[in-house]
């Protein structure tokens, strides 16, 4: 992650694995969106299955990261600092994600591919 990513910068400043996980989740969501666009460019069922596996793999990476961070935090007893910018960024992102999820569900129901409906 670069310092241009507000979530990453806030996570580093606060030493917050949770905020870093949220930033990683955002990157995975972007990856998943790109996979869906790729899948929609070809209407083959094998492409849909592959897209679902790629999206699932992205989220499994997030799970692995969170488990590792959980172990590290419990082992070291670390406590993140309060990050006002991280709280603001998370709240803004949450609101945008809700709006995007609503649009994604409507589009998925209209078009039919499971990749547009799953995870909404």
PDB file of N, CA and C in Angstrom:
ATOM      1  N   UNK A   1       0.836  -1.175   0.000  1.00  0.00           N
ATOM      2  CA  UNK A   1       0.000   0.000   0.000  1.00  0.00           C
ATOM      3  C   UNK A   1       0.881   1.238   0.000  1.00  0.00           C
ATOM      4  N   UNK A   2       0.392   2.258  -0.633  1.00  0.00           N
ATOM      5  CA  UNK A   2       1.173   3.479  -0.730  1.00  0.00           C
ATOM      6  C   UNK A   2       0.636   4.510   0.228  1.00  0.00           C
ATOM      7  N   UNK A   3       1.451   5.543   0.454  1.00  0.00           N
ATOM      8  CA  UNK A   3       0.999   6.613   1.333  1.00  0.00           C
ATOM      9  C   UNK A   3      -0.140   7.401   0.701  1.00  0.00           C
ATOM     10  N   UNK A   4      -0.390   7.220  -0.607  1.00  0.00           N
ATOM     11  CA  UNK A   4      -1.514   7.888  -1.269  1.00  0.00           C
ATOM     12  C   UNK A   4      -2.843   7.247  -0.878  1.00  0.00           C
ATOM     13  N   UNK A   5      -2.821   6.041  -0.346  1.00  0.00           N
ATOM     14  CA  UNK A   5      -4.023   5.354   0.113  1.00  0.00           C
ATOM     15  C   UNK A   5      -4.330   5.841   1.528  1.00  0.00           C
ATOM     16  N   UNK A   6      -5.425   6.610   1.723  1.00  0.00           N
ATOM     17  CA  UNK A   6      -5.734   7.174   3.050  1.00  0.00           C
ATOM     18  C   UNK A   6      -5.887   6.123   4.136  1.00  0.00           C
ATOM     19  N   UNK A   7      -6.499   4.986   3.828  1.00  0.00           N
ATOM     20  CA  UNK A   7      -6.666   3.944   4.832  1.00  0.00           C
ATOM     21  C   UNK A   7      -5.319   3.379   5.253  1.00  0.00           C
ATOM     22  N   UNK A   8      -4.425   3.165   4.286  1.00  0.00           N
ATOM     23  CA  UNK A   8      -3.103   2.631   4.601  1.00  0.00           C
ATOM     24  C   UNK A   8      -2.303   3.623   5.436  1.00  0.00           C
ATOM     25  N   UNK A   9      -2.363   4.896   5.062  1.00  0.00           N
ATOM     26  CA  UNK A   9      -1.628   5.914   5.821  1.00  0.00           C
ATOM     27  C   UNK A   9      -2.152   6.003   7.248  1.00  0.00           C
ATOM     28  N   UNK A  10      -3.478   5.984   7.405  1.00  0.00           N
ATOM     29  CA  UNK A  10      -4.069   6.053   8.747  1.00  0.00           C
ATOM     30  C   UNK A  10      -3.725   4.806   9.548  1.00  0.00           C
ATOM     31  N   UNK A  11      -3.725   3.640   8.893  1.00  0.00           N
ATOM     32  CA  UNK A  11      -3.393   2.392   9.582  1.00  0.00           C
ATOM     33  C   UNK A  11      -1.957   2.398  10.080  1.00  0.00           C
ATOM     34  N   UNK A  12      -1.044   2.876   9.237  1.00  0.00           N
ATOM     35  CA  UNK A  12       0.364   2.945   9.643  1.00  0.00           C
ATOM     36  C   UNK A  12       0.561   3.936  10.785  1.00  0.00           C
ATOM     37  N   UNK A  13      -0.094   5.077  10.687  1.00  0.00           N
ATOM     38  CA  UNK A  13       0.037   6.102  11.723  1.00  0.00           C
ATOM     39  C   UNK A  13      -0.497   5.604  13.061  1.00  0.00           C
ATOM     40  N   UNK A  14      -1.622   4.900  13.024  1.00  0.00           N
ATOM     41  CA  UNK A  14      -2.239   4.426  14.268  1.00  0.00           C
ATOM     42  C   UNK A  14      -1.697   3.076  14.709  1.00  0.00           C
ATOM     43  N   UNK A  15      -0.983   2.374  13.830  1.00  0.00           N
ATOM     44  CA  UNK A  15      -0.532   1.024  14.159  1.00  0.00           C
ATOM     45  C   UNK A  15      -1.715   0.081  14.309  1.00  0.00           C
ATOM     46  N   UNK A  16      -2.723   0.249  13.449  1.00  0.00           N
ATOM     47  CA  UNK A  16      -3.978  -0.487  13.577  1.00  0.00           C
ATOM     48  C   UNK A  16      -4.100  -1.598  12.551  1.00  0.00           C
ATOM     49  N   UNK A  17      -3.986  -2.865  12.991  1.00  0.00           N
ATOM     50  CA  UNK A  17      -4.207  -3.979  12.068  1.00  0.00           C
ATOM     51  C   UNK A  17      -5.633  -3.996  11.524  1.00  0.00           C
ATOM     52  N   UNK A  18      -6.607  -3.576  12.320  1.00  0.00           N
ATOM     53  CA  UNK A  18      -7.997  -3.562  11.863  1.00  0.00           C
ATOM     54  C   UNK A  18      -8.178  -2.570  10.715  1.00  0.00           C
ATOM     55  N   UNK A  19      -7.616  -1.396  10.862  1.00  0.00           N
ATOM     56  CA  UNK A  19      -7.718  -0.395   9.804  1.00  0.00           C
ATOM     57  C   UNK A  19      -6.942  -0.842   8.570  1.00  0.00           C
ATOM     58  N   UNK A  20      -5.811  -1.490   8.777  1.00  0.00           N
ATOM     59  CA  UNK A  20      -5.049  -2.034   7.646  1.00  0.00           C
ATOM     60  C   UNK A  20      -5.860  -3.123   6.947  1.00  0.00           C
ATOM     61  N   UNK A  21      -6.551  -3.944   7.725  1.00  0.00           N
ATOM     62  CA  UNK A  21      -7.411  -4.979   7.152  1.00  0.00           C
ATOM     63  C   UNK A  21      -8.535  -4.374   6.338  1.00  0.00           C
ATOM     64  N   UNK A  22      -9.083  -3.275   6.826  1.00  0.00           N
ATOM     65  CA  UNK A  22     -10.142  -2.583   6.086  1.00  0.00           C
ATOM     66  C   UNK A  22      -9.601  -2.051   4.763  1.00  0.00           C
ATOM     67  N   UNK A  23      -8.402  -1.493   4.795  1.00  0.00           N
ATOM     68  CA  UNK A  23      -7.776  -1.018   3.562  1.00  0.00           C
ATOM     69  C   UNK A  23      -7.518  -2.161   2.598  1.00  0.00           C
ATOM     70  N   UNK A  24      -7.066  -3.303   3.129  1.00  0.00           N
ATOM     71  CA  UNK A  24      -6.837  -4.478   2.297  1.00  0.00           C
ATOM     72  C   UNK A  24      -8.151  -4.972   1.709  1.00  0.00           C
ATOM     73  N   UNK A  25      -9.200  -4.943   2.510  1.00  0.00           N
ATOM     74  CA  UNK A  25     -10.520  -5.334   2.019  1.00  0.00           C
ATOM     75  C   UNK A  25     -10.944  -4.441   0.859  1.00  0.00           C
ATOM     76  N   UNK A  26     -10.662  -3.154   0.959  1.00  0.00           N
ATOM     77  CA  UNK A  26     -10.998  -2.233  -0.135  1.00  0.00           C
ATOM     78  C   UNK A  26     -10.258  -2.612  -1.414  1.00  0.00           C
ATOM     79  N   UNK A  27      -8.991  -2.975  -1.285  1.00  0.00           N
ATOM     80  CA  UNK A  27      -8.222  -3.407  -2.455  1.00  0.00           C
ATOM     81  C   UNK A  27      -8.804  -4.688  -3.048  1.00  0.00           C
ATOM     82  N   UNK A  28      -9.233  -5.596  -2.186  1.00  0.00           N
ATOM     83  CA  UNK A  28      -9.836  -6.849  -2.655  1.00  0.00           C
ATOM     84  C   UNK A  28     -11.157  -6.560  -3.360  1.00  0.00           C
ATOM     85  N   UNK A  29     -11.927  -5.619  -2.841  1.00  0.00           N
ATOM     86  CA  UNK A  29     -13.185  -5.245  -3.493  1.00  0.00           C
ATOM     87  C   UNK A  29     -12.918  -4.685  -4.893  1.00  0.00           C
ATOM     88  N   UNK A  30     -11.878  -3.885  -5.022  1.00  0.00           N
ATOM     89  CA  UNK A  30     -11.522  -3.351  -6.340  1.00  0.00           C
ATOM     90  C   UNK A  30     -11.127  -4.501  -7.267  1.00  0.00           C
ATOM     91  N   UNK A  31     -10.320  -5.430  -6.760  1.00  0.00           N
ATOM     92  CA  UNK A  31      -9.938  -6.607  -7.533  1.00  0.00           C
ATOM     93  C   UNK A  31     -11.177  -7.396  -7.956  1.00  0.00           C
ATOM     94  N   UNK A  32     -12.096  -7.620  -7.010  1.00  0.00           N
ATOM     95  CA  UNK A  32     -13.313  -8.378  -7.303  1.00  0.00           C
ATOM     96  C   UNK A  32     -14.143  -7.675  -8.376  1.00  0.00           C
ATOM     97  N   UNK A  33     -14.215  -6.368  -8.310  1.00  0.00           N
ATOM     98  CA  UNK A  33     -14.958  -5.606  -9.322  1.00  0.00           C
ATOM     99  C   UNK A  33     -14.335  -5.769 -10.700  1.00  0.00           C
ATOM    100  N   UNK A  34     -13.019  -5.751 -10.748  1.00  0.00           N
ATOM    101  CA  UNK A  34     -12.323  -5.939 -12.033  1.00  0.00           C
ATOM    102  C   UNK A  34     -12.576  -7.348 -12.574  1.00  0.00           C
ATOM    103  N   UNK A  35     -12.625  -8.343 -11.673  1.00  0.00           N
ATOM    104  CA  UNK A  35     -12.910  -9.709 -12.090  1.00  0.00           C
ATOM    105  C   UNK A  35     -14.333  -9.797 -12.658  1.00  0.00           C
ATOM    106  N   UNK A  36     -15.279  -9.126 -12.015  1.00  0.00           N
ATOM    107  CA  UNK A  36     -16.662  -9.146 -12.504  1.00  0.00           C
ATOM    108  C   UNK A  36     -16.747  -8.512 -13.889  1.00  0.00           C
ATOM    109  N   UNK A  37     -16.067  -7.403 -14.086  1.00  0.00           N
ATOM    110  CA  UNK A  37     -16.060  -6.767 -15.408  1.00  0.00           C
ATOM    111  C   UNK A  37     -15.459  -7.725 -16.431  1.00  0.00           C
ATOM    112  N   UNK A  38     -14.364  -8.382 -16.091  1.00  0.00           N
ATOM    113  CA  UNK A  38     -13.746  -9.368 -16.973  1.00  0.00           C
ATOM    114  C   UNK A  38     -14.739 -10.482 -17.297  1.00  0.00           C
ATOM    115  N   UNK A  39     -15.437 -10.965 -16.270  1.00  0.00           N
ATOM    116  CA  UNK A  39     -16.394 -12.058 -16.449  1.00  0.00           C
ATOM    117  C   UNK A  39     -17.542 -11.628 -17.350  1.00  0.00           C
ATOM    118  N   UNK A  40     -18.001 -10.405 -17.219  1.00  0.00           N
ATOM    119  CA  UNK A  40     -19.128  -9.923 -18.018  1.00  0.00           C
ATOM    120  C   UNK A  40     -18.762  -9.733 -19.494  1.00  0.00           C
ATOM    121  N   UNK A  41     -17.486  -9.581 -19.769  1.00  0.00           N
ATOM    122  CA  UNK A  41     -17.062  -9.428 -21.168  1.00  0.00           C
ATOM    123  C   UNK A  41     -17.187 -10.725 -21.948  1.00  0.00           C
ATOM    124  N   UNK A  42     -17.275 -11.849 -21.268  1.00  0.00           N
ATOM    125  CA  UNK A  42     -17.483 -13.151 -21.896  1.00  0.00           C
ATOM    126  C   UNK A  42     -18.572 -13.881 -21.138  1.00  0.00           C
ATOM    127  N   UNK A  43     -19.555 -14.358 -21.830  1.00  0.00           N
ATOM    128  CA  UNK A  43     -20.723 -14.926 -21.158  1.00  0.00           C
ATOM    129  C   UNK A  43     -20.646 -16.446 -21.015  1.00  0.00           C
ATOM    130  N   UNK A  44     -19.470 -16.996 -20.999  1.00  0.00           N
ATOM    131  CA  UNK A  44     -19.308 -18.435 -20.846  1.00  0.00           C
ATOM    132  C   UNK A  44     -19.453 -18.816 -19.374  1.00  0.00           C
ATOM    133  N   UNK A  45     -20.114 -19.933 -19.099  1.00  0.00           N
ATOM    134  CA  UNK A  45     -20.305 -20.355 -17.713  1.00  0.00           C
ATOM    135  C   UNK A  45     -18.985 -20.696 -17.040  1.00  0.00           C
ATOM    136  N   UNK A  46     -18.004 -21.187 -17.806  1.00  0.00           N
ATOM    137  CA  UNK A  46     -16.710 -21.484 -17.203  1.00  0.00           C
ATOM    138  C   UNK A  46     -16.029 -20.200 -16.732  1.00  0.00           C
ATOM    139  N   UNK A  47     -16.296 -19.106 -17.390  1.00  0.00           N
ATOM    140  CA  UNK A  47     -15.729 -17.823 -16.986  1.00  0.00           C
ATOM    141  C   UNK A  47     -16.361 -17.355 -15.659  1.00  0.00           C
ATOM    142  N   UNK A  48     -17.644 -17.618 -15.496  1.00  0.00           N
ATOM    143  CA  UNK A  48     -18.310 -17.232 -14.253  1.00  0.00           C
ATOM    144  C   UNK A  48     -17.749 -18.032 -13.076  1.00  0.00           C
ATOM    145  N   UNK A  49     -17.552 -19.319 -13.262  1.00  0.00           N
ATOM    146  CA  UNK A  49     -16.992 -20.157 -12.198  1.00  0.00           C
ATOM    147  C   UNK A  49     -15.576 -19.704 -11.841  1.00  0.00           C
ATOM    148  N   UNK A  50     -14.797 -19.383 -12.844  1.00  0.00           N
ATOM    149  CA  UNK A  50     -13.427 -18.913 -12.603  1.00  0.00           C
ATOM    150  C   UNK A  50     -13.447 -17.578 -11.861  1.00  0.00           C
ATOM    151  N   UNK A  51     -14.369 -16.693 -12.249  1.00  0.00           N
ATOM    152  CA  UNK A  51     -14.488 -15.404 -11.573  1.00  0.00           C
ATOM    153  C   UNK A  51     -14.844 -15.595 -10.101  1.00  0.00           C
ATOM    154  N   UNK A  52     -15.766 -16.508  -9.826  1.00  0.00           N
ATOM    155  CA  UNK A  52     -16.155 -16.776  -8.437  1.00  0.00           C
ATOM    156  C   UNK A  52     -14.954 -17.302  -7.629  1.00  0.00           C
ATOM    157  N   UNK A  53     -14.144 -18.161  -8.239  1.00  0.00           N
ATOM    158  CA  UNK A  53     -12.953 -18.686  -7.543  1.00  0.00           C
ATOM    159  C   UNK A  53     -11.938 -17.575  -7.281  1.00  0.00           C
ATOM    160  N   UNK A  54     -11.735 -16.687  -8.259  1.00  0.00           N
ATOM    161  CA  UNK A  54     -10.786 -15.587  -8.074  1.00  0.00           C
ATOM    162  C   UNK A  54     -11.239 -14.647  -6.946  1.00  0.00           C
ATOM    163  N   UNK A  55     -12.509 -14.321  -6.930  1.00  0.00           N
ATOM    164  CA  UNK A  55     -13.039 -13.458  -5.878  1.00  0.00           C
ATOM    165  C   UNK A  55     -12.907 -14.143  -4.520  1.00  0.00           C
ATOM    166  N   UNK A  56     -13.246 -15.420  -4.474  1.00  0.00           N
ATOM    167  CA  UNK A  56     -13.111 -16.175  -3.226  1.00  0.00           C
ATOM    168  C   UNK A  56     -11.673 -16.219  -2.732  1.00  0.00           C
ATOM    169  N   UNK A  57     -10.728 -16.378  -3.655  1.00  0.00           N
ATOM    170  CA  UNK A  57      -9.312 -16.404  -3.285  1.00  0.00           C
ATOM    171  C   UNK A  57      -8.873 -15.067  -2.700  1.00  0.00           C
ATOM    172  N   UNK A  58      -9.371 -13.982  -3.270  1.00  0.00           N
ATOM    173  CA  UNK A  58      -9.048 -12.660  -2.732  1.00  0.00           C
ATOM    174  C   UNK A  58      -9.509 -12.511  -1.293  1.00  0.00           C
ATOM    175  N   UNK A  59     -10.714 -12.960  -1.016  1.00  0.00           N
ATOM    176  CA  UNK A  59     -11.218 -12.850   0.346  1.00  0.00           C
ATOM    177  C   UNK A  59     -10.543 -13.835   1.299  1.00  0.00           C
ATOM    178  N   UNK A  60     -10.084 -14.975   0.783  1.00  0.00           N
ATOM    179  CA  UNK A  60      -9.327 -15.905   1.634  1.00  0.00           C
ATOM    180  C   UNK A  60      -7.989 -15.275   2.041  1.00  0.00           C
ATOM    181  N   UNK A  61      -7.396 -14.481   1.160  1.00  0.00           N
ATOM    182  CA  UNK A  61      -6.173 -13.756   1.525  1.00  0.00           C
ATOM    183  C   UNK A  61      -6.447 -12.772   2.659  1.00  0.00           C
ATOM    184  N   UNK A  62      -7.595 -12.118   2.598  1.00  0.00           N
ATOM    185  CA  UNK A  62      -7.972 -11.203   3.672  1.00  0.00           C
ATOM    186  C   UNK A  62      -8.132 -11.957   4.987  1.00  0.00           C
ATOM    187  N   UNK A  63      -8.774 -13.100   4.956  1.00  0.00           N
ATOM    188  CA  UNK A  63      -8.950 -13.914   6.168  1.00  0.00           C
ATOM    189  C   UNK A  63      -7.591 -14.312   6.741  1.00  0.00           C
ATOM    190  N   UNK A  64      -6.682 -14.743   5.878  1.00  0.00           N
ATOM    191  CA  UNK A  64      -5.340 -15.134   6.337  1.00  0.00           C
ATOM    192  C   UNK A  64      -4.634 -13.949   6.986  1.00  0.00           C
ATOM    193  N   UNK A  65      -4.717 -12.772   6.361  1.00  0.00           N
ATOM    194  CA  UNK A  65      -4.101 -11.568   6.931  1.00  0.00           C
ATOM    195  C   UNK A  65      -4.674 -11.270   8.308  1.00  0.00           C
ATOM    196  N   UNK A  66      -5.997 -11.312   8.426  1.00  0.00           N
ATOM    197  CA  UNK A  66      -6.636 -10.984   9.704  1.00  0.00           C
ATOM    198  C   UNK A  66      -6.261 -11.981  10.801  1.00  0.00           C
ATOM    199  N   UNK A  67      -6.186 -13.254  10.463  1.00  0.00           N
ATOM    200  CA  UNK A  67      -5.793 -14.260  11.459  1.00  0.00           C
ATOM    201  C   UNK A  67      -4.356 -14.033  11.918  1.00  0.00           C
ATOM    202  N   UNK A  68      -3.460 -13.770  10.967  1.00  0.00           N
ATOM    203  CA  UNK A  68      -2.058 -13.511  11.328  1.00  0.00           C
ATOM    204  C   UNK A  68      -1.960 -12.265  12.214  1.00  0.00           C
ATOM    205  N   UNK A  69      -2.661 -11.204  11.850  1.00  0.00           N
ATOM    206  CA  UNK A  69      -2.629  -9.977  12.656  1.00  0.00           C
ATOM    207  C   UNK A  69      -3.223 -10.205  14.039  1.00  0.00           C
ATOM    208  N   UNK A  70      -4.277 -11.005  14.126  1.00  0.00           N
ATOM    209  CA  UNK A  70      -4.878 -11.328  15.420  1.00  0.00           C
ATOM    210  C   UNK A  70      -3.859 -12.016  16.323  1.00  0.00           C
ATOM    211  N   UNK A  71      -3.129 -12.971  15.783  1.00  0.00           N
ATOM    212  CA  UNK A  71      -2.110 -13.689  16.553  1.00  0.00           C
ATOM    213  C   UNK A  71      -1.007 -12.728  16.998  1.00  0.00           C
ATOM    214  N   UNK A  72      -0.551 -11.871  16.080  1.00  0.00           N
ATOM    215  CA  UNK A  72       0.518 -10.908  16.405  1.00  0.00           C
ATOM    216  C   UNK A  72       0.064  -9.951  17.500  1.00  0.00           C
ATOM    217  N   UNK A  73      -1.143  -9.421  17.381  1.00  0.00           N
ATOM    218  CA  UNK A  73      -1.645  -8.453  18.376  1.00  0.00           C
ATOM    219  C   UNK A  73      -1.788  -9.119  19.741  1.00  0.00           C
ATOM    220  N   UNK A  74      -2.336 -10.334  19.780  1.00  0.00           N
ATOM    221  CA  UNK A  74      -2.469 -11.016  21.067  1.00  0.00           C
ATOM    222  C   UNK A  74      -1.110 -11.387  21.657  1.00  0.00           C
ATOM    223  N   UNK A  75      -0.165 -11.776  20.803  1.00  0.00           N
ATOM    224  CA  UNK A  75       1.161 -12.162  21.290  1.00  0.00           C
ATOM    225  C   UNK A  75       1.943 -10.963  21.810  1.00  0.00           C
ATOM    226  N   UNK A  76       1.807  -9.812  21.167  1.00  0.00           N
ATOM    227  CA  UNK A  76       2.579  -8.634  21.568  1.00  0.00           C
ATOM    228  C   UNK A  76       1.826  -7.723  22.528  1.00  0.00           C
ATOM    229  N   UNK A  77       0.521  -7.907  22.616  1.00  0.00           N
ATOM    230  CA  UNK A  77      -0.279  -7.046  23.482  1.00  0.00           C
ATOM    231  C   UNK A  77      -0.382  -5.623  22.959  1.00  0.00           C
ATOM    232  N   UNK A  78      -0.150  -5.449  21.678  1.00  0.00           N
ATOM    233  CA  UNK A  78      -0.175  -4.115  21.079  1.00  0.00           C
ATOM    234  C   UNK A  78      -1.562  -3.497  21.076  1.00  0.00           C
ATOM    235  N   UNK A  79      -1.591  -2.198  21.214  1.00  0.00           N
ATOM    236  CA  UNK A  79      -2.834  -1.429  21.165  1.00  0.00           C
ATOM    237  C   UNK A  79      -2.658  -0.311  20.137  1.00  0.00           C
ATOM    238  N   UNK A  80      -3.555  -0.235  19.152  1.00  0.00           N
ATOM    239  CA  UNK A  80      -3.444   0.853  18.187  1.00  0.00           C
ATOM    240  C   UNK A  80      -3.842   2.189  18.800  1.00  0.00           C
ATOM    241  N   UNK A  81      -3.310   3.244  18.249  1.00  0.00           N
ATOM    242  CA  UNK A  81      -3.688   4.589  18.672  1.00  0.00           C
ATOM    243  C   UNK A  81      -5.005   4.965  18.004  1.00  0.00           C
ATOM    244  N   UNK A  82      -5.674   5.960  18.557  1.00  0.00           N
ATOM    245  CA  UNK A  82      -6.892   6.470  17.940  1.00  0.00           C
ATOM    246  C   UNK A  82      -6.513   7.189  16.650  1.00  0.00           C
ATOM    247  N   UNK A  83      -7.263   6.944  15.605  1.00  0.00           N
ATOM    248  CA  UNK A  83      -6.993   7.566  14.313  1.00  0.00           C
ATOM    249  C   UNK A  83      -8.265   8.259  13.835  1.00  0.00           C
ATOM    250  N   UNK A  84      -8.331   9.560  14.051  1.00  0.00           N
ATOM    251  CA  UNK A  84      -9.495  10.320  13.612  1.00  0.00           C
ATOM    252  C   UNK A  84      -9.655  10.237  12.105  1.00  0.00           C
ATOM    253  N   UNK A  85      -8.554  10.354  11.377  1.00  0.00           N
ATOM    254  CA  UNK A  85      -8.643  10.255   9.918  1.00  0.00           C
ATOM    255  C   UNK A  85      -9.093   8.861   9.495  1.00  0.00           C
ATOM    256  N   UNK A  86      -8.664   7.846  10.212  1.00  0.00           N
ATOM    257  CA  UNK A  86      -9.098   6.481   9.914  1.00  0.00           C
ATOM    258  C   UNK A  86     -10.583   6.291  10.168  1.00  0.00           C
ATOM    259  N   UNK A  87     -11.095   6.879  11.241  1.00  0.00           N
ATOM    260  CA  UNK A  87     -12.524   6.792  11.553  1.00  0.00           C
ATOM    261  C   UNK A  87     -13.343   7.503  10.479  1.00  0.00           C
ATOM    262  N   UNK A  88     -12.913   8.681  10.091  1.00  0.00           N
ATOM    263  CA  UNK A  88     -13.632   9.447   9.058  1.00  0.00           C
ATOM    264  C   UNK A  88     -13.601   8.698   7.733  1.00  0.00           C
ATOM    265  N   UNK A  89     -12.424   8.204   7.351  1.00  0.00           N
ATOM    266  CA  UNK A  89     -12.282   7.471   6.097  1.00  0.00           C
ATOM    267  C   UNK A  89     -13.172   6.223   6.099  1.00  0.00           C
ATOM    268  N   UNK A  90     -13.186   5.487   7.200  1.00  0.00           N
ATOM    269  CA  UNK A  90     -13.991   4.279   7.296  1.00  0.00           C
ATOM    270  C   UNK A  90     -15.479   4.603   7.191  1.00  0.00           C
ATOM    271  N   UNK A  91     -15.916   5.658   7.862  1.00  0.00           N
ATOM    272  CA  UNK A  91     -17.334   6.051   7.810  1.00  0.00           C
ATOM    273  C   UNK A  91     -17.738   6.461   6.394  1.00  0.00           C
ATOM    274  N   UNK A  92     -16.908   7.247   5.736  1.00  0.00           N
ATOM    275  CA  UNK A  92     -17.219   7.678   4.365  1.00  0.00           C
ATOM    276  C   UNK A  92     -17.253   6.475   3.418  1.00  0.00           C
ATOM    277  N   UNK A  93     -16.284   5.595   3.557  1.00  0.00           N
ATOM    278  CA  UNK A  93     -16.220   4.417   2.704  1.00  0.00           C
ATOM    279  C   UNK A  93     -17.434   3.518   2.926  1.00  0.00           C
ATOM    280  N   UNK A  94     -17.847   3.389   4.175  1.00  0.00           N
ATOM    281  CA  UNK A  94     -19.018   2.566   4.498  1.00  0.00           C
ATOM    282  C   UNK A  94     -20.259   3.087   3.777  1.00  0.00           C
ATOM    283  N   UNK A  95     -20.471   4.390   3.804  1.00  0.00           N
ATOM    284  CA  UNK A  95     -21.639   4.968   3.145  1.00  0.00           C
ATOM    285  C   UNK A  95     -21.591   4.760   1.627  1.00  0.00           C
ATOM    286  N   UNK A  96     -20.423   4.940   1.050  1.00  0.00           N
ATOM    287  CA  UNK A  96     -20.280   4.727  -0.397  1.00  0.00           C
ATOM    288  C   UNK A  96     -20.506   3.251  -0.738  1.00  0.00           C
ATOM    289  N   UNK A  97     -19.976   2.351   0.091  1.00  0.00           N
ATOM    290  CA  UNK A  97     -20.150   0.919  -0.164  1.00  0.00           C
ATOM    291  C   UNK A  97     -21.622   0.513  -0.105  1.00  0.00           C
ATOM    292  N   UNK A  98     -22.383   1.095   0.809  1.00  0.00           N
ATOM    293  CA  UNK A  98     -23.810   0.783   0.881  1.00  0.00           C
ATOM    294  C   UNK A  98     -24.521   1.174  -0.416  1.00  0.00           C
ATOM    295  N   UNK A  99     -24.221   2.360  -0.916  1.00  0.00           N
ATOM    296  CA  UNK A  99     -24.836   2.822  -2.163  1.00  0.00           C
ATOM    297  C   UNK A  99     -24.424   1.926  -3.332  1.00  0.00           C
ATOM    298  N   UNK A 100     -23.144   1.574  -3.401  1.00  0.00           N
ATOM    299  CA  UNK A 100     -22.670   0.711  -4.482  1.00  0.00           C
ATOM    300  C   UNK A 100     -23.278  -0.687  -4.396  1.00  0.00           C
ATOM    301  N   UNK A 101     -23.425  -1.213  -3.190  1.00  0.00           N
ATOM    302  CA  UNK A 101     -24.017  -2.544  -3.013  1.00  0.00           C
ATOM    303  C   UNK A 101     -25.465  -2.546  -3.498  1.00  0.00           C
ATOM    304  N   UNK A 102     -26.202  -1.508  -3.192  1.00  0.00           N
ATOM    305  CA  UNK A 102     -27.587  -1.423  -3.645  1.00  0.00           C
ATOM    306  C   UNK A 102     -27.641  -1.438  -5.179  1.00  0.00           C
ATOM    307  N   UNK A 103     -26.789  -0.654  -5.822  1.00  0.00           N
ATOM    308  CA  UNK A 103     -26.748  -0.636  -7.280  1.00  0.00           C
ATOM    309  C   UNK A 103     -26.307  -1.969  -7.858  1.00  0.00           C
ATOM    310  N   UNK A 104     -25.364  -2.612  -7.194  1.00  0.00           N
ATOM    311  CA  UNK A 104     -24.861  -3.906  -7.656  1.00  0.00           C
ATOM    312  C   UNK A 104     -25.960  -4.965  -7.585  1.00  0.00           C
ATOM    313  N   UNK A 105     -26.743  -4.949  -6.523  1.00  0.00           N
ATOM    314  CA  UNK A 105     -27.834  -5.927  -6.381  1.00  0.00           C
ATOM    315  C   UNK A 105     -28.865  -5.722  -7.489  1.00  0.00           C
ATOM    316  N   UNK A 106     -29.262  -4.477  -7.717  1.00  0.00           N
ATOM    317  CA  UNK A 106     -30.240  -4.194  -8.776  1.00  0.00           C
ATOM    318  C   UNK A 106     -29.711  -4.614 -10.144  1.00  0.00           C
ATOM    319  N   UNK A 107     -28.456  -4.305 -10.410  1.00  0.00           N
ATOM    320  CA  UNK A 107     -27.858  -4.676 -11.696  1.00  0.00           C
ATOM    321  C   UNK A 107     -27.767  -6.190 -11.824  1.00  0.00           C
ATOM    322  N   UNK A 108     -27.341  -6.848 -10.762  1.00  0.00           N
ATOM    323  CA  UNK A 108     -27.227  -8.307 -10.775  1.00  0.00           C
ATOM    324  C   UNK A 108     -28.561  -8.990 -10.993  1.00  0.00           C
ATOM    325  N   UNK A 109     -29.606  -8.486 -10.363  1.00  0.00           N
ATOM    326  CA  UNK A 109     -30.929  -9.076 -10.549  1.00  0.00           C
ATOM    327  C   UNK A 109     -31.433  -8.854 -11.969  1.00  0.00           C
ATOM    328  N   UNK A 110     -31.086  -7.712 -12.557  1.00  0.00           N
ATOM    329  CA  UNK A 110     -31.525  -7.414 -13.926  1.00  0.00           C
ATOM    330  C   UNK A 110     -30.749  -8.244 -14.953  1.00  0.00           C
ATOM    331  N   UNK A 111     -29.446  -8.451 -14.718  1.00  0.00           N
ATOM    332  CA  UNK A 111     -28.605  -9.132 -15.698  1.00  0.00           C
ATOM    333  C   UNK A 111     -28.494 -10.632 -15.448  1.00  0.00           C
ATOM    334  N   UNK A 112     -28.520 -11.048 -14.193  1.00  0.00           N
ATOM    335  CA  UNK A 112     -28.503 -12.466 -13.887  1.00  0.00           C
ATOM    336  C   UNK A 112     -27.203 -13.114 -13.447  1.00  0.00           C
ATOM    337  N   UNK A 113     -25.996 -12.642 -13.828  1.00  0.00           N
ATOM    338  CA  UNK A 113     -24.782 -13.364 -13.409  1.00  0.00           C
ATOM    339  C   UNK A 113     -24.625 -13.395 -11.883  1.00  0.00           C
ATOM    340  N   UNK A 114     -24.287 -14.568 -11.371  1.00  0.00           N
ATOM    341  CA  UNK A 114     -24.107 -14.724  -9.920  1.00  0.00           C
ATOM    342  C   UNK A 114     -23.017 -13.826  -9.370  1.00  0.00           C
ATOM    343  N   UNK A 115     -22.000 -13.527 -10.169  1.00  0.00           N
ATOM    344  CA  UNK A 115     -20.902 -12.696  -9.685  1.00  0.00           C
ATOM    345  C   UNK A 115     -21.367 -11.297  -9.321  1.00  0.00           C
ATOM    346  N   UNK A 116     -22.482 -10.851  -9.861  1.00  0.00           N
ATOM    347  CA  UNK A 116     -23.010  -9.536  -9.510  1.00  0.00           C
ATOM    348  C   UNK A 116     -23.875  -9.574  -8.262  1.00  0.00           C
ATOM    349  N   UNK A 117     -24.392 -10.738  -7.919  1.00  0.00           N
ATOM    350  CA  UNK A 117     -25.292 -10.857  -6.777  1.00  0.00           C
ATOM    351  C   UNK A 117     -24.558 -11.324  -5.530  1.00  0.00           C
ATOM    352  N   UNK A 118     -23.617 -12.271  -5.676  1.00  0.00           N
ATOM    353  CA  UNK A 118     -22.873 -12.838  -4.547  1.00  0.00           C
ATOM    354  C   UNK A 118     -22.094 -11.728  -3.847  1.00  0.00           C
ATOM    355  N   UNK A 119     -22.139 -11.725  -2.540  1.00  0.00           N
ATOM    356  CA  UNK A 119     -21.369 -10.788  -1.748  1.00  0.00           C
ATOM    357  C   UNK A 119     -22.025  -9.427  -1.613  1.00  0.00           C
ATOM    358  N   UNK A 120     -23.234  -9.273  -2.121  1.00  0.00           N
ATOM    359  CA  UNK A 120     -23.894  -7.968  -2.010  1.00  0.00           C
ATOM    360  C   UNK A 120     -24.692  -7.876  -0.741  1.00  0.00           C
TER     361      UNK A 120
END
